[in-house]
Amino acid sequence: MKKNMGSADRMIRIIIAVIIGILYFTGYISGTLAIVLAVIGGIFLLTGFVNFCPLYVPFGITTLKSKKDK
């Protein structure tokens, strides 16, 4: 897996996952919505930590700044 996520993209995903977790554990979301958001939050957390989003690959998207852009 080649990294394709920049630091801003990673932080946004991790923050969203944490917010979803807080909403779930405080009881603001429940039922089917909670399950769907928990799955999305888990995916965001995983992709945020590994710096790779599989959905970016088919579209050729990368938010990672290359060394020549610096």
Protein backbone atom coordinates (compact mmCIF):
# COMPACT_ATOMS: atom_id res chain seq x y z
CA MET A 1 0.00 0.00 0.00
CA LYS A 2 1.36 3.32 -1.03
CA LYS A 3 0.39 6.27 1.15
CA ASN A 4 -2.18 8.55 -0.48
CA MET A 5 -3.47 10.68 2.42
CA GLY A 6 -2.07 13.95 3.66
CA SER A 7 -1.95 15.07 7.28
CA ALA A 8 -5.05 17.29 7.05
CA ASP A 9 -7.09 14.45 5.54
CA ARG A 10 -5.88 12.08 8.27
CA MET A 11 -6.73 14.46 11.10
CA ILE A 12 -10.21 15.18 9.73
CA ARG A 13 -10.96 11.45 9.49
CA ILE A 14 -9.69 10.74 13.00
CA ILE A 15 -11.64 13.68 14.48
CA ILE A 16 -14.85 12.54 12.76
CA ALA A 17 -14.33 8.99 14.08
CA VAL A 18 -13.81 10.30 17.62
CA ILE A 19 -16.93 12.47 17.40
CA ILE A 20 -18.99 9.48 16.21
CA GLY A 21 -17.61 7.42 19.11
CA ILE A 22 -18.50 10.12 21.63
CA LEU A 23 -22.03 10.45 20.23
CA TYR A 24 -22.50 6.69 20.42
CA PHE A 25 -21.18 6.20 23.94
CA THR A 26 -23.13 9.18 25.32
CA GLY A 27 -26.36 7.85 23.83
CA TYR A 28 -27.07 10.63 21.33
CA ILE A 29 -27.24 8.11 18.49
CA SER A 30 -28.67 4.61 18.66
CA GLY A 31 -30.18 1.86 16.57
CA THR A 32 -29.41 1.39 12.91
CA LEU A 33 -27.95 4.88 12.58
CA ALA A 34 -25.47 4.13 15.35
CA ILE A 35 -24.37 0.91 13.65
CA VAL A 36 -23.90 2.58 10.27
CA LEU A 37 -22.00 5.51 11.79
CA ALA A 38 -19.88 3.15 13.90
CA VAL A 39 -18.82 1.26 10.77
CA ILE A 40 -18.01 4.52 8.98
CA GLY A 41 -16.14 5.78 12.03
CA GLY A 42 -14.13 2.55 12.21
CA ILE A 43 -13.21 2.82 8.56
CA PHE A 44 -12.21 6.47 9.01
CA LEU A 45 -10.09 5.58 12.03
CA LEU A 46 -8.37 2.70 10.25
CA THR A 47 -7.65 4.67 7.08
CA GLY A 48 -6.49 7.63 9.12
CA PHE A 49 -3.90 5.56 10.95
CA VAL A 50 -2.58 3.65 7.92
CA ASN A 51 -2.44 6.73 5.62
CA PHE A 52 -4.20 4.86 2.83
CA CYS A 53 -7.71 5.19 1.43
CA PRO A 54 -8.64 2.41 -1.01
CA LEU A 55 -11.36 4.57 -2.60
CA TYR A 56 -8.74 7.09 -3.73
CA VAL A 57 -6.89 4.51 -5.87
CA PRO A 58 -9.40 3.98 -8.73
CA PHE A 59 -9.85 7.73 -9.11
CA GLY A 60 -6.15 8.56 -8.85
CA ILE A 61 -6.72 10.91 -5.91
CA THR A 62 -4.01 11.73 -3.42
CA THR A 63 -3.98 14.36 -0.71
CA LEU A 64 -0.38 13.61 0.15
CA LYS A 65 1.98 16.41 -0.79
CA SER A 66 4.92 15.22 -2.80
CA LYS A 67 8.46 16.27 -1.91
CA LYS A 68 8.70 18.42 -5.03
CA ASP A 69 5.62 20.45 -3.90
CA LYS A 70 7.47 21.63 -0.79
